[in-house]
Amino acid sequence: MREGHAEISRSFPLLDIEIERAGDGRTVTAYAATFGEPYEVSDVHGHYYETINRTAFNRTISRGYGGVAVLYNHGRILGTSTPSERFSIPLGVPLEISADGRGLLTRTRSSKTPLADEVLELIRDHAITTQSFRGPIFRSAAPTTHGSGLNLIERTELGLMDYGPSPWPVNDGAAILAVRSTAELLTVDPSELTDDERAALLAALQDLTPQTAPVDDGIADGTGDEQAPPPMDPAFNPDHLAQAQRRRRAQL
């Protein structure tokens, strides 16, 4: 069912709030929407349940996302639909927008501005707990009936005007994901790491461990087998390795 250019904004409570720690810690990876999970909505279109098809953003993504803004609360004054001069300033630049099996995944580089700094700090403090998107409805499937008795509407094609942190939740599926650097993984309890993070940490520790060099007794035997110690990897940080070793000893 093709629709006009009615607009929706959807905000999703975050299950996990983390900011990428690599580099200067200004890259945020987050879901702006989740697919196939019905949630209750009450808006200008009525009171109903809504779900988003996993292909709903495909056409929009295929056209590129250079025109997609990253805004706090969609650039509006909190609790209203009135544009906010301050919140209308972009928080950063989209590095990647893609659809995976779970939802609309965004990766954003936060700018070094006072507003972006405030938002990053509030995310770290778990004071901001929502990620959202806004865009036009292009197509929806014919309504069916939800178990509650309300209509269930599947959005099959959506546009994307902006996304970003927001204070108002609608659905509990979207989450800001942890994309952690090796330095951070070394300080995290191993039981809290995902399988991928454990594998990354193991590989990093193997890379960071200095290779054993032959013992040099100061006497050249003329065989040509003398070897100089291998150069230190510039990325190696002894403090990080020491932390990992202390953690391993504590688990024994």
Protein backbone atom coordinates (compact mmCIF):
# COMPACT_ATOMS: atom_id res chain seq x y z
CA MET A 1 0.00 0.00 0.00
CA ARG A 2 1.68 3.18 -1.21
CA GLU A 3 1.21 6.19 1.01
CA GLY A 4 1.82 9.89 0.72
CA HIS A 5 4.72 11.50 2.49
CA ALA A 6 3.36 11.16 6.03
CA GLU A 7 6.22 11.40 8.50
CA ILE A 8 6.97 9.30 11.56
CA SER A 9 9.51 9.62 14.37
CA ARG A 10 10.36 6.53 16.35
CA SER A 11 12.54 6.37 19.46
CA PHE A 12 13.83 3.18 21.05
CA PRO A 13 15.09 2.61 24.61
CA LEU A 14 18.69 1.46 24.68
CA LEU A 15 19.64 -1.92 26.09
CA ASP A 16 23.34 -1.09 26.29
CA ILE A 17 24.96 2.33 26.12
CA GLU A 18 28.57 2.39 25.02
CA ILE A 19 30.82 4.62 22.95
CA GLU A 20 33.71 3.34 20.88
CA ARG A 21 36.86 3.78 22.96
CA ALA A 22 39.37 3.49 20.16
CA GLY A 23 41.08 6.69 19.10
CA ASP A 24 39.60 9.67 20.89
CA GLY A 25 36.32 7.96 21.80
CA ARG A 26 34.03 10.00 19.59
CA THR A 27 32.53 7.26 17.40
CA VAL A 28 29.10 5.88 18.36
CA THR A 29 27.65 2.70 16.89
CA ALA A 30 23.91 2.31 17.44
CA TYR A 31 20.67 0.87 16.12
CA ALA A 32 18.22 3.60 15.14
CA ALA A 33 15.42 1.06 14.51
CA THR A 34 14.74 -2.63 14.93
CA PHE A 35 13.04 -4.96 12.47
CA GLY A 36 10.20 -7.41 12.92
CA GLU A 37 9.41 -6.50 16.55
CA PRO A 38 5.88 -5.06 17.01
CA TYR A 39 5.56 -2.08 19.37
CA GLU A 40 2.60 0.00 20.45
CA VAL A 41 2.20 3.48 18.98
CA SER A 42 -0.24 6.31 19.62
CA ASP A 43 0.27 9.21 17.21
CA VAL A 44 -1.48 11.29 14.56
CA HIS A 45 -2.10 8.08 12.59
CA GLY A 46 -4.05 6.50 15.45
CA HIS A 47 -3.51 3.93 18.21
CA TYR A 48 -2.02 0.73 16.82
CA TYR A 49 0.93 -1.64 16.78
CA GLU A 50 3.70 -1.14 14.27
CA THR A 51 6.55 -3.24 12.94
CA ILE A 52 9.31 -2.40 10.46
CA ASN A 53 10.19 -4.75 7.62
CA ARG A 54 13.90 -5.54 7.40
CA THR A 55 14.01 -4.21 3.82
CA ALA A 56 12.18 -0.96 4.66
CA PHE A 57 15.29 1.25 4.43
CA ASN A 58 17.01 -0.52 1.53
CA ARG A 59 16.08 1.98 -1.16
CA THR A 60 16.97 4.93 1.05
CA ILE A 61 20.36 3.41 1.94
CA SER A 62 21.10 2.60 -1.71
CA ARG A 63 20.82 6.29 -2.55
CA GLY A 64 23.48 7.23 -0.02
CA TYR A 65 23.17 9.03 3.28
CA GLY A 66 24.98 12.30 2.65
CA GLY A 67 21.74 14.19 3.31
CA VAL A 68 20.91 12.40 6.56
CA ALA A 69 21.40 14.59 9.64
CA VAL A 70 22.51 13.45 13.09
CA LEU A 71 20.42 15.45 15.57
CA TYR A 72 19.52 15.34 19.24
CA ASN A 73 15.73 14.88 19.68
CA HIS A 74 15.24 15.46 15.94
CA GLY A 75 16.32 19.08 16.38
CA ARG A 76 13.26 19.95 18.44
CA ILE A 77 12.55 21.49 21.83
CA LEU A 78 12.00 18.66 24.30
CA GLY A 79 8.39 17.57 24.61
CA THR A 80 7.24 19.63 21.61
CA SER A 81 7.33 19.63 17.82
CA THR A 82 8.87 23.11 17.85
CA PRO A 83 12.29 23.39 16.18
CA SER A 84 15.15 24.16 18.54
CA GLU A 85 17.90 26.46 17.30
CA ARG A 86 20.46 24.69 19.48
CA PHE A 87 19.39 21.09 18.85
CA SER A 88 19.18 21.75 15.11
CA ILE A 89 22.99 21.90 15.04
CA PRO A 90 24.23 18.46 13.86
CA LEU A 91 25.97 16.30 16.45
CA GLY A 92 28.25 14.70 13.90
CA VAL A 93 28.55 12.92 10.57
CA PRO A 94 27.23 9.47 9.56
CA LEU A 95 30.13 7.12 8.78
CA GLU A 96 27.92 4.14 7.98
CA ILE A 97 24.22 3.33 7.79
CA SER A 98 23.27 -0.25 7.02
CA ALA A 99 20.46 -2.76 7.55
CA ASP A 100 21.34 -6.08 9.18
CA GLY A 101 19.26 -8.91 10.59
CA ARG A 102 18.40 -6.93 13.70
CA GLY A 103 17.76 -3.38 12.54
CA LEU A 104 19.06 -0.13 11.10
CA LEU A 105 22.66 0.13 12.27
CA THR A 106 24.35 3.53 12.33
CA ARG A 107 27.96 4.48 12.95
CA THR A 108 28.50 8.15 13.68
CA ARG A 109 31.53 10.36 14.14
CA SER A 110 30.71 12.97 16.80
CA SER A 111 31.99 16.47 16.14
CA LYS A 112 34.09 18.38 18.67
CA THR A 113 31.36 20.86 19.62
CA PRO A 114 29.91 21.78 23.03
CA LEU A 115 26.57 20.11 22.23
CA ALA A 116 28.16 16.88 20.98
CA ASP A 117 30.44 16.80 24.04
CA GLU A 118 27.42 17.17 26.34
CA VAL A 119 25.51 14.39 24.58
CA LEU A 120 28.50 12.02 24.67
CA GLU A 121 28.94 12.63 28.39
CA LEU A 122 25.24 12.07 29.04
CA ILE A 123 25.38 8.77 27.13
CA ARG A 124 28.39 7.70 29.21
CA ASP A 125 26.46 8.55 32.38
CA HIS A 126 23.36 6.64 31.13
CA ALA A 127 21.36 9.87 31.36
CA ILE A 128 20.43 9.59 27.67
CA THR A 129 18.90 6.17 27.07
CA THR A 130 17.25 6.40 23.67
CA GLN A 131 18.19 6.34 19.98
CA SER A 132 15.66 7.43 17.35
CA PHE A 133 15.01 8.08 13.67
CA ARG A 134 12.65 10.30 11.67
CA GLY A 135 11.50 9.90 8.08
CA PRO A 136 8.61 9.67 5.61
CA ILE A 137 6.39 6.62 5.16
CA PHE A 138 6.43 5.47 1.53
CA ARG A 139 4.76 2.07 1.76
CA SER A 140 2.93 0.00 4.37
CA ALA A 141 1.35 -3.44 4.23
CA ALA A 142 -2.40 -3.79 4.69
CA PRO A 143 -3.25 -3.74 8.43
CA THR A 144 -3.70 -7.01 10.25
CA THR A 145 -4.88 -7.62 13.82
CA HIS A 146 -2.45 -7.67 16.72
CA GLY A 147 -3.07 -10.01 19.69
CA SER A 148 -4.25 -6.99 21.68
CA GLY A 149 -7.07 -6.39 19.22
CA LEU A 150 -5.44 -3.26 17.81
CA ASN A 151 -4.37 -2.98 14.20
CA LEU A 152 -0.84 -4.16 13.35
CA ILE A 153 0.79 -2.13 10.57
CA GLU A 154 4.02 -3.22 8.89
CA ARG A 155 6.08 -0.41 7.38
CA THR A 156 7.61 -1.81 4.21
CA GLU A 157 9.38 1.28 2.85
CA LEU A 158 10.64 4.23 4.88
CA GLY A 159 12.81 7.24 4.26
CA LEU A 160 15.43 8.59 6.65
CA MET A 161 15.75 12.30 7.35
CA ASP A 162 17.67 12.21 10.63
CA TYR A 163 18.59 10.02 13.57
CA GLY A 164 20.32 10.45 16.90
CA PRO A 165 20.00 10.35 20.69
CA SER A 166 16.57 11.18 22.05
CA PRO A 167 14.92 11.24 25.49
CA TRP A 168 11.56 9.69 24.55
CA PRO A 169 11.29 5.88 24.19
CA VAL A 170 8.78 3.93 22.07
CA ASN A 171 10.35 0.50 21.52
CA ASP A 172 12.84 -1.53 23.56
CA GLY A 173 14.77 -3.01 20.65
CA ALA A 174 17.39 -0.48 19.59
CA ALA A 175 20.70 -0.26 21.38
CA ILE A 176 23.95 1.65 21.27
CA LEU A 177 26.55 -1.05 20.85
CA ALA A 178 30.01 -1.36 22.38
CA VAL A 179 32.83 -1.27 19.86
CA ARG A 180 35.70 -1.53 22.29
CA SER A 181 39.39 -0.96 21.79
CA THR A 182 41.98 -3.44 23.03
CA ALA A 183 42.91 -1.06 25.84
CA GLU A 184 39.35 -1.15 27.16
CA LEU A 185 39.00 -4.93 26.78
CA LEU A 186 42.01 -5.37 29.06
CA THR A 187 40.17 -3.59 31.87
CA VAL A 188 36.83 -5.45 31.53
CA ASP A 189 35.91 -8.55 33.54
CA PRO A 190 36.28 -11.49 31.09
CA SER A 191 32.81 -12.78 32.03
CA GLU A 192 31.32 -9.57 30.58
CA LEU A 193 33.00 -9.95 27.18
CA THR A 194 31.26 -11.35 24.12
CA ASP A 195 32.81 -14.29 22.25
CA ASP A 196 34.02 -11.91 19.53
CA GLU A 197 35.58 -9.60 22.12
CA ARG A 198 37.37 -12.51 23.84
CA ALA A 199 38.79 -13.62 20.48
CA ALA A 200 39.91 -10.07 19.70
CA LEU A 201 41.55 -9.75 23.12
CA LEU A 202 43.40 -13.06 22.74
CA ALA A 203 44.69 -12.04 19.32
CA ALA A 204 45.74 -8.65 20.64
CA LEU A 205 47.60 -10.17 23.60
CA GLN A 206 49.45 -12.51 21.26
CA ASP A 207 50.47 -9.56 19.13
CA LEU A 208 51.51 -7.51 22.16
CA THR A 209 53.62 -10.23 23.80
CA PRO A 210 57.33 -9.63 22.96
CA GLN A 211 59.02 -12.47 21.12
CA THR A 212 61.76 -14.31 23.04
CA ALA A 213 65.15 -13.37 21.67
CA PRO A 214 68.22 -15.61 21.87
CA VAL A 215 70.33 -14.99 24.96
CA ASP A 216 73.29 -12.82 24.08
CA ASP A 217 76.34 -13.84 26.17
CA GLY A 218 78.42 -11.15 24.56
CA ILE A 219 80.56 -13.70 22.71
CA ALA A 220 80.36 -13.95 18.97
CA ASP A 221 80.87 -17.54 17.91
CA GLY A 222 81.32 -16.72 14.27
CA THR A 223 78.45 -18.92 13.15
CA GLY A 224 76.37 -15.99 11.96
CA ASP A 225 73.47 -17.06 14.21
CA GLU A 226 73.62 -14.04 16.48
CA GLN A 227 70.30 -12.16 16.44
CA ALA A 228 69.44 -8.73 17.69
CA PRO A 229 66.32 -8.45 19.86
CA PRO A 230 63.23 -7.75 17.74
CA PRO A 231 62.12 -4.11 17.67
CA MET A 232 59.35 -3.18 20.08
CA ASP A 233 55.94 -2.80 18.49
CA PRO A 234 55.08 0.93 18.80
CA ALA A 235 51.49 -0.05 19.72
CA PHE A 236 52.70 -2.13 22.68
CA ASN A 237 51.77 -0.68 26.05
CA PRO A 238 53.36 -2.50 29.01
CA ASP A 239 50.69 -1.17 31.36
CA HIS A 240 47.95 -2.85 29.34
CA LEU A 241 49.77 -6.17 29.29
CA ALA A 242 50.43 -5.96 33.03
CA GLN A 243 46.74 -5.35 33.67
CA ALA A 244 45.81 -8.45 31.67
CA GLN A 245 48.39 -10.56 33.49
CA ARG A 246 47.12 -9.40 36.90
CA ARG A 247 43.57 -10.28 35.89
CA ARG A 248 44.63 -13.74 34.75
CA ARG A 249 46.46 -14.39 38.03
CA ALA A 250 43.38 -13.24 39.99
CA GLN A 251 41.26 -15.85 38.21
CA LEU A 252 43.58 -18.75 39.05
